[in-house]
Amino acid sequence: MFSKFLLVFVLAFVSVSAEENRTEPGFNHLPMDYMSLQYAGNIGMISVGIGNLFFDGRYAFELYYGYTPRLVSEVAVSTLAMKHSYVPGSWSMYGHTVEPYAGLGLIYSLNQRYDPNWLDEIPDNYYYQYAFQLIGYVGFSVMHPVTDPASSIKSFGAYVELGTVDSYLINYFSEGSALQLEDVLNTAIGVRMTF
């Protein structure tokens, strides 16, 4: 049921985005404004995403698929994520565009990492593992423009994010000294191409 809902949602998003772009000169024939490849973060060890920009690039909407292999985790974990980012401004530095941003998102784990019954001494709901989790993050991107007019790529660059998940914060505040701030924060790095 969820996969059907997700498919309808993605198709509607692509349709609206493509229709919006048709009115602009130099119409982008792709159903997204950019693609990202990310390492680490809350979505997975490696994740790939697509995104669209709205309101003159001040708002970004992204869809991601993340994967963490069994070699890294107790079980292989697949994740779907939807992210909403706000970009307050940008500036140029040495021919690059630097953009800070902040955002919220929702992740859906297709499977759970922790079995709540794996150890008897761990109390119920200790890990607060839910299929849906809220994420928050701040970051910045550095993009370099592509000057070749024949290229379909407008720019490429990298980004860094610092983020957390609601369940990490719940554990941090409920367990007191058991967790440190670095236990609930994580860093993601990624590369991005805009079209």
C-alpha atoms as a PDB file:
ATOM      1  CA  MET A   1       0.000   0.000   0.000  1.00  0.00           C
ATOM      2  CA  PHE A   2       2.745   2.439   0.954  1.00  0.00           C
ATOM      3  CA  SER A   3       4.709   1.759  -2.243  1.00  0.00           C
ATOM      4  CA  LYS A   4       1.639   2.625  -4.366  1.00  0.00           C
ATOM      5  CA  PHE A   5       1.169   5.871  -2.427  1.00  0.00           C
ATOM      6  CA  LEU A   6       4.856   6.733  -2.878  1.00  0.00           C
ATOM      7  CA  LEU A   7       4.729   6.019  -6.617  1.00  0.00           C
ATOM      8  CA  VAL A   8       1.670   8.262  -7.091  1.00  0.00           C
ATOM      9  CA  PHE A   9       3.339  10.990  -5.015  1.00  0.00           C
ATOM     10  CA  VAL A  10       6.581  10.876  -7.033  1.00  0.00           C
ATOM     11  CA  LEU A  11       4.738  10.888 -10.372  1.00  0.00           C
ATOM     12  CA  ALA A  12       2.625  13.867  -9.294  1.00  0.00           C
ATOM     13  CA  PHE A  13       5.759  15.714  -8.165  1.00  0.00           C
ATOM     14  CA  VAL A  14       7.544  15.018 -11.458  1.00  0.00           C
ATOM     15  CA  SER A  15       4.495  16.062 -13.490  1.00  0.00           C
ATOM     16  CA  VAL A  16       4.044  19.366 -11.646  1.00  0.00           C
ATOM     17  CA  SER A  17       7.768  20.133 -11.821  1.00  0.00           C
ATOM     18  CA  ALA A  18       8.004  19.378 -15.533  1.00  0.00           C
ATOM     19  CA  GLU A  19       4.891  21.489 -16.255  1.00  0.00           C
ATOM     20  CA  GLU A  20       6.353  24.393 -14.289  1.00  0.00           C
ATOM     21  CA  ASN A  21       9.642  24.194 -16.221  1.00  0.00           C
ATOM     22  CA  ARG A  22       7.941  24.184 -19.651  1.00  0.00           C
ATOM     23  CA  THR A  23       7.191  27.896 -19.370  1.00  0.00           C
ATOM     24  CA  GLU A  24      10.823  28.808 -18.783  1.00  0.00           C
ATOM     25  CA  PRO A  25      13.265  29.431 -21.634  1.00  0.00           C
ATOM     26  CA  GLY A  26      15.809  26.638 -22.058  1.00  0.00           C
ATOM     27  CA  PHE A  27      13.362  24.033 -20.761  1.00  0.00           C
ATOM     28  CA  ASN A  28      15.025  21.307 -18.736  1.00  0.00           C
ATOM     29  CA  HIS A  29      13.801  18.009 -20.199  1.00  0.00           C
ATOM     30  CA  LEU A  30      14.601  16.147 -16.992  1.00  0.00           C
ATOM     31  CA  PRO A  31      11.957  15.882 -14.259  1.00  0.00           C
ATOM     32  CA  MET A  32      14.343  17.382 -11.690  1.00  0.00           C
ATOM     33  CA  ASP A  33      16.635  20.362 -11.263  1.00  0.00           C
ATOM     34  CA  TYR A  34      19.475  18.419  -9.672  1.00  0.00           C
ATOM     35  CA  MET A  35      20.775  15.024  -8.560  1.00  0.00           C
ATOM     36  CA  SER A  36      22.745  14.250  -5.411  1.00  0.00           C
ATOM     37  CA  LEU A  37      24.923  11.390  -4.244  1.00  0.00           C
ATOM     38  CA  GLN A  38      25.446  11.402  -0.480  1.00  0.00           C
ATOM     39  CA  TYR A  39      27.693   9.523   1.922  1.00  0.00           C
ATOM     40  CA  ALA A  40      26.599   9.007   5.543  1.00  0.00           C
ATOM     41  CA  GLY A  41      23.931  11.069   7.263  1.00  0.00           C
ATOM     42  CA  ASN A  42      20.607   9.745   8.498  1.00  0.00           C
ATOM     43  CA  ILE A  43      19.369   8.374   5.169  1.00  0.00           C
ATOM     44  CA  GLY A  44      21.927   5.596   4.766  1.00  0.00           C
ATOM     45  CA  MET A  45      25.580   4.873   4.280  1.00  0.00           C
ATOM     46  CA  ILE A  46      25.101   5.844   0.635  1.00  0.00           C
ATOM     47  CA  SER A  47      22.067   7.562  -0.850  1.00  0.00           C
ATOM     48  CA  VAL A  48      20.994   8.990  -4.163  1.00  0.00           C
ATOM     49  CA  GLY A  49      18.437  11.731  -4.576  1.00  0.00           C
ATOM     50  CA  ILE A  50      16.692  14.072  -6.955  1.00  0.00           C
ATOM     51  CA  GLY A  51      15.471  17.561  -6.199  1.00  0.00           C
ATOM     52  CA  ASN A  52      13.626  20.553  -7.525  1.00  0.00           C
ATOM     53  CA  LEU A  53      14.069  24.232  -6.711  1.00  0.00           C
ATOM     54  CA  PHE A  54      11.198  26.640  -6.187  1.00  0.00           C
ATOM     55  CA  PHE A  55      10.802  30.359  -5.379  1.00  0.00           C
ATOM     56  CA  ASP A  56      13.968  31.448  -7.210  1.00  0.00           C
ATOM     57  CA  GLY A  57      16.047  28.732  -5.579  1.00  0.00           C
ATOM     58  CA  ARG A  58      15.080  29.605  -1.996  1.00  0.00           C
ATOM     59  CA  TYR A  59      13.194  26.345  -1.400  1.00  0.00           C
ATOM     60  CA  ALA A  60      14.302  22.832  -2.350  1.00  0.00           C
ATOM     61  CA  PHE A  61      12.257  19.639  -2.303  1.00  0.00           C
ATOM     62  CA  GLU A  62      14.170  16.355  -2.521  1.00  0.00           C
ATOM     63  CA  LEU A  63      13.457  12.617  -2.652  1.00  0.00           C
ATOM     64  CA  TYR A  64      16.183  10.142  -1.635  1.00  0.00           C
ATOM     65  CA  TYR A  65      16.793   6.422  -1.534  1.00  0.00           C
ATOM     66  CA  GLY A  66      19.416   5.339   0.995  1.00  0.00           C
ATOM     67  CA  TYR A  67      21.112   2.031   1.637  1.00  0.00           C
ATOM     68  CA  THR A  68      23.267   0.717   4.467  1.00  0.00           C
ATOM     69  CA  PRO A  69      24.811  -2.708   3.772  1.00  0.00           C
ATOM     70  CA  ARG A  70      24.892  -5.541   6.246  1.00  0.00           C
ATOM     71  CA  LEU A  71      28.683  -5.168   6.523  1.00  0.00           C
ATOM     72  CA  VAL A  72      28.132  -1.874   8.354  1.00  0.00           C
ATOM     73  CA  SER A  73      24.903  -2.595  10.232  1.00  0.00           C
ATOM     74  CA  GLU A  74      23.389  -5.672  11.882  1.00  0.00           C
ATOM     75  CA  VAL A  75      21.030  -5.966   8.914  1.00  0.00           C
ATOM     76  CA  ALA A  76      20.902  -4.291   5.514  1.00  0.00           C
ATOM     77  CA  VAL A  77      18.729  -1.171   5.801  1.00  0.00           C
ATOM     78  CA  SER A  78      16.898   0.590   2.957  1.00  0.00           C
ATOM     79  CA  THR A  79      15.467   4.043   3.524  1.00  0.00           C
ATOM     80  CA  LEU A  80      13.253   6.480   1.623  1.00  0.00           C
ATOM     81  CA  ALA A  81      13.480  10.156   2.500  1.00  0.00           C
ATOM     82  CA  MET A  82      11.708  13.386   1.678  1.00  0.00           C
ATOM     83  CA  LYS A  83      13.594  16.602   2.498  1.00  0.00           C
ATOM     84  CA  HIS A  84      12.506  20.250   2.509  1.00  0.00           C
ATOM     85  CA  SER A  85      15.269  22.871   2.605  1.00  0.00           C
ATOM     86  CA  TYR A  86      15.274  26.652   2.905  1.00  0.00           C
ATOM     87  CA  VAL A  87      18.164  28.651   1.423  1.00  0.00           C
ATOM     88  CA  PRO A  88      18.320  32.131   3.026  1.00  0.00           C
ATOM     89  CA  GLY A  89      20.823  33.481   0.488  1.00  0.00           C
ATOM     90  CA  SER A  90      23.969  32.843  -1.480  1.00  0.00           C
ATOM     91  CA  TRP A  91      27.249  34.538  -2.305  1.00  0.00           C
ATOM     92  CA  SER A  92      30.087  34.141  -4.798  1.00  0.00           C
ATOM     93  CA  MET A  93      33.571  33.160  -3.722  1.00  0.00           C
ATOM     94  CA  TYR A  94      36.423  32.582  -6.207  1.00  0.00           C
ATOM     95  CA  GLY A  95      33.970  31.801  -9.005  1.00  0.00           C
ATOM     96  CA  HIS A  96      31.924  29.387  -6.883  1.00  0.00           C
ATOM     97  CA  THR A  97      28.447  29.852  -5.419  1.00  0.00           C
ATOM     98  CA  VAL A  98      28.144  29.155  -1.691  1.00  0.00           C
ATOM     99  CA  GLU A  99      24.669  28.522  -0.240  1.00  0.00           C
ATOM    100  CA  PRO A 100      23.867  27.810   3.409  1.00  0.00           C
ATOM    101  CA  TYR A 101      20.600  25.988   4.081  1.00  0.00           C
ATOM    102  CA  ALA A 102      18.482  24.435   6.805  1.00  0.00           C
ATOM    103  CA  GLY A 103      15.691  21.937   6.575  1.00  0.00           C
ATOM    104  CA  LEU A 104      13.391  19.258   7.876  1.00  0.00           C
ATOM    105  CA  GLY A 105      12.562  15.919   6.394  1.00  0.00           C
ATOM    106  CA  LEU A 106      10.826  12.629   6.878  1.00  0.00           C
ATOM    107  CA  ILE A 107      12.527   9.253   6.514  1.00  0.00           C
ATOM    108  CA  TYR A 108      10.877   5.895   6.156  1.00  0.00           C
ATOM    109  CA  SER A 109      12.883   2.769   7.000  1.00  0.00           C
ATOM    110  CA  LEU A 110      11.837  -0.214   4.955  1.00  0.00           C
ATOM    111  CA  ASN A 111      13.246  -2.451   7.683  1.00  0.00           C
ATOM    112  CA  GLN A 112      14.448  -2.007  11.258  1.00  0.00           C
ATOM    113  CA  ARG A 113      18.045  -2.049  12.397  1.00  0.00           C
ATOM    114  CA  TYR A 114      17.359  -3.104  15.963  1.00  0.00           C
ATOM    115  CA  ASP A 115      15.308  -5.999  17.220  1.00  0.00           C
ATOM    116  CA  PRO A 116      13.722  -4.802  20.482  1.00  0.00           C
ATOM    117  CA  ASN A 117      13.912  -8.356  21.862  1.00  0.00           C
ATOM    118  CA  TRP A 118      17.585  -9.026  21.114  1.00  0.00           C
ATOM    119  CA  LEU A 119      18.713  -8.553  24.735  1.00  0.00           C
ATOM    120  CA  ASP A 120      16.522  -9.108  27.793  1.00  0.00           C
ATOM    121  CA  GLU A 121      18.203  -6.364  29.828  1.00  0.00           C
ATOM    122  CA  ILE A 122      17.262  -3.625  27.329  1.00  0.00           C
ATOM    123  CA  PRO A 123      13.913  -2.082  28.306  1.00  0.00           C
ATOM    124  CA  ASP A 124      11.052  -1.893  25.819  1.00  0.00           C
ATOM    125  CA  ASN A 125      11.102   1.204  23.575  1.00  0.00           C
ATOM    126  CA  TYR A 126      14.703   1.999  24.551  1.00  0.00           C
ATOM    127  CA  TYR A 127      15.692   2.685  20.957  1.00  0.00           C
ATOM    128  CA  TYR A 128      12.400   4.345  19.929  1.00  0.00           C
ATOM    129  CA  GLN A 129      12.577   2.607  16.573  1.00  0.00           C
ATOM    130  CA  TYR A 130       9.743   3.710  14.319  1.00  0.00           C
ATOM    131  CA  ALA A 131       9.378   3.268  10.574  1.00  0.00           C
ATOM    132  CA  PHE A 132       8.835   7.038  10.125  1.00  0.00           C
ATOM    133  CA  GLN A 133      11.239   9.517  11.680  1.00  0.00           C
ATOM    134  CA  LEU A 134      11.637  13.274  11.498  1.00  0.00           C
ATOM    135  CA  ILE A 135      15.064  14.632  10.567  1.00  0.00           C
ATOM    136  CA  GLY A 136      16.515  18.104  10.924  1.00  0.00           C
ATOM    137  CA  TYR A 137      19.704  19.421   9.360  1.00  0.00           C
ATOM    138  CA  VAL A 138      21.814  22.458   8.482  1.00  0.00           C
ATOM    139  CA  GLY A 139      24.451  22.596   5.792  1.00  0.00           C
ATOM    140  CA  PHE A 140      26.066  24.462   2.961  1.00  0.00           C
ATOM    141  CA  SER A 141      26.882  23.731  -0.660  1.00  0.00           C
ATOM    142  CA  VAL A 142      29.666  24.998  -2.905  1.00  0.00           C
ATOM    143  CA  MET A 143      28.783  24.863  -6.596  1.00  0.00           C
ATOM    144  CA  HIS A 144      30.926  25.588  -9.644  1.00  0.00           C
ATOM    145  CA  PRO A 145      29.168  26.771 -12.834  1.00  0.00           C
ATOM    146  CA  VAL A 146      29.657  24.929 -16.133  1.00  0.00           C
ATOM    147  CA  THR A 147      30.342  27.501 -18.847  1.00  0.00           C
ATOM    148  CA  ASP A 148      29.975  25.199 -21.870  1.00  0.00           C
ATOM    149  CA  PRO A 149      26.637  26.181 -23.495  1.00  0.00           C
ATOM    150  CA  ALA A 150      26.306  22.723 -25.095  1.00  0.00           C
ATOM    151  CA  SER A 151      26.383  20.970 -21.710  1.00  0.00           C
ATOM    152  CA  SER A 152      23.106  19.952 -20.054  1.00  0.00           C
ATOM    153  CA  ILE A 153      24.834  20.333 -16.672  1.00  0.00           C
ATOM    154  CA  LYS A 154      24.604  23.897 -15.318  1.00  0.00           C
ATOM    155  CA  SER A 155      26.813  23.404 -12.264  1.00  0.00           C
ATOM    156  CA  PHE A 156      28.426  20.778 -10.065  1.00  0.00           C
ATOM    157  CA  GLY A 157      29.780  20.822  -6.557  1.00  0.00           C
ATOM    158  CA  ALA A 158      29.739  19.405  -3.067  1.00  0.00           C
ATOM    159  CA  TYR A 159      27.829  19.879   0.169  1.00  0.00           C
ATOM    160  CA  VAL A 160      28.161  19.110   3.871  1.00  0.00           C
ATOM    161  CA  GLU A 161      25.275  18.606   6.336  1.00  0.00           C
ATOM    162  CA  LEU A 162      25.040  18.319  10.097  1.00  0.00           C
ATOM    163  CA  GLY A 163      21.828  16.569  11.144  1.00  0.00           C
ATOM    164  CA  THR A 164      19.906  14.573  13.695  1.00  0.00           C
ATOM    165  CA  VAL A 165      16.844  12.356  14.008  1.00  0.00           C
ATOM    166  CA  ASP A 166      13.941  12.820  16.426  1.00  0.00           C
ATOM    167  CA  SER A 167      14.561   9.420  18.067  1.00  0.00           C
ATOM    168  CA  TYR A 168      18.185  10.399  18.783  1.00  0.00           C
ATOM    169  CA  LEU A 169      16.994  13.584  20.495  1.00  0.00           C
ATOM    170  CA  ILE A 170      14.394  11.666  22.518  1.00  0.00           C
ATOM    171  CA  ASN A 171      17.095   9.276  23.725  1.00  0.00           C
ATOM    172  CA  TYR A 172      19.497  12.152  24.421  1.00  0.00           C
ATOM    173  CA  PHE A 173      17.070  14.071  26.613  1.00  0.00           C
ATOM    174  CA  SER A 174      15.507  11.041  28.321  1.00  0.00           C
ATOM    175  CA  GLU A 175      18.760   9.219  29.094  1.00  0.00           C
ATOM    176  CA  GLY A 176      20.600  12.275  30.428  1.00  0.00           C
ATOM    177  CA  SER A 177      24.313  11.538  30.759  1.00  0.00           C
ATOM    178  CA  ALA A 178      24.143   8.204  28.878  1.00  0.00           C
ATOM    179  CA  LEU A 179      24.535   9.965  25.516  1.00  0.00           C
ATOM    180  CA  GLN A 180      26.807  12.805  24.481  1.00  0.00           C
ATOM    181  CA  LEU A 181      25.865  15.475  21.925  1.00  0.00           C
ATOM    182  CA  GLU A 182      28.173  13.862  19.337  1.00  0.00           C
ATOM    183  CA  ASP A 183      26.114  10.666  19.700  1.00  0.00           C
ATOM    184  CA  VAL A 184      22.971  12.351  18.336  1.00  0.00           C
ATOM    185  CA  LEU A 185      24.545  14.519  15.625  1.00  0.00           C
ATOM    186  CA  ASN A 186      25.951  13.195  12.374  1.00  0.00           C
ATOM    187  CA  THR A 187      27.680  14.576   9.320  1.00  0.00           C
ATOM    188  CA  ALA A 188      26.872  13.861   5.690  1.00  0.00           C
ATOM    189  CA  ILE A 189      28.902  14.815   2.633  1.00  0.00           C
ATOM    190  CA  GLY A 190      27.722  14.708  -0.924  1.00  0.00           C
ATOM    191  CA  VAL A 191      28.167  15.764  -4.514  1.00  0.00           C
ATOM    192  CA  ARG A 192      25.508  17.450  -6.626  1.00  0.00           C
ATOM    193  CA  MET A 193      24.870  18.266 -10.289  1.00  0.00           C
ATOM    194  CA  THR A 194      22.277  20.813 -11.421  1.00  0.00           C
ATOM    195  CA  PHE A 195      20.629  20.671 -14.843  1.00  0.00           C
END
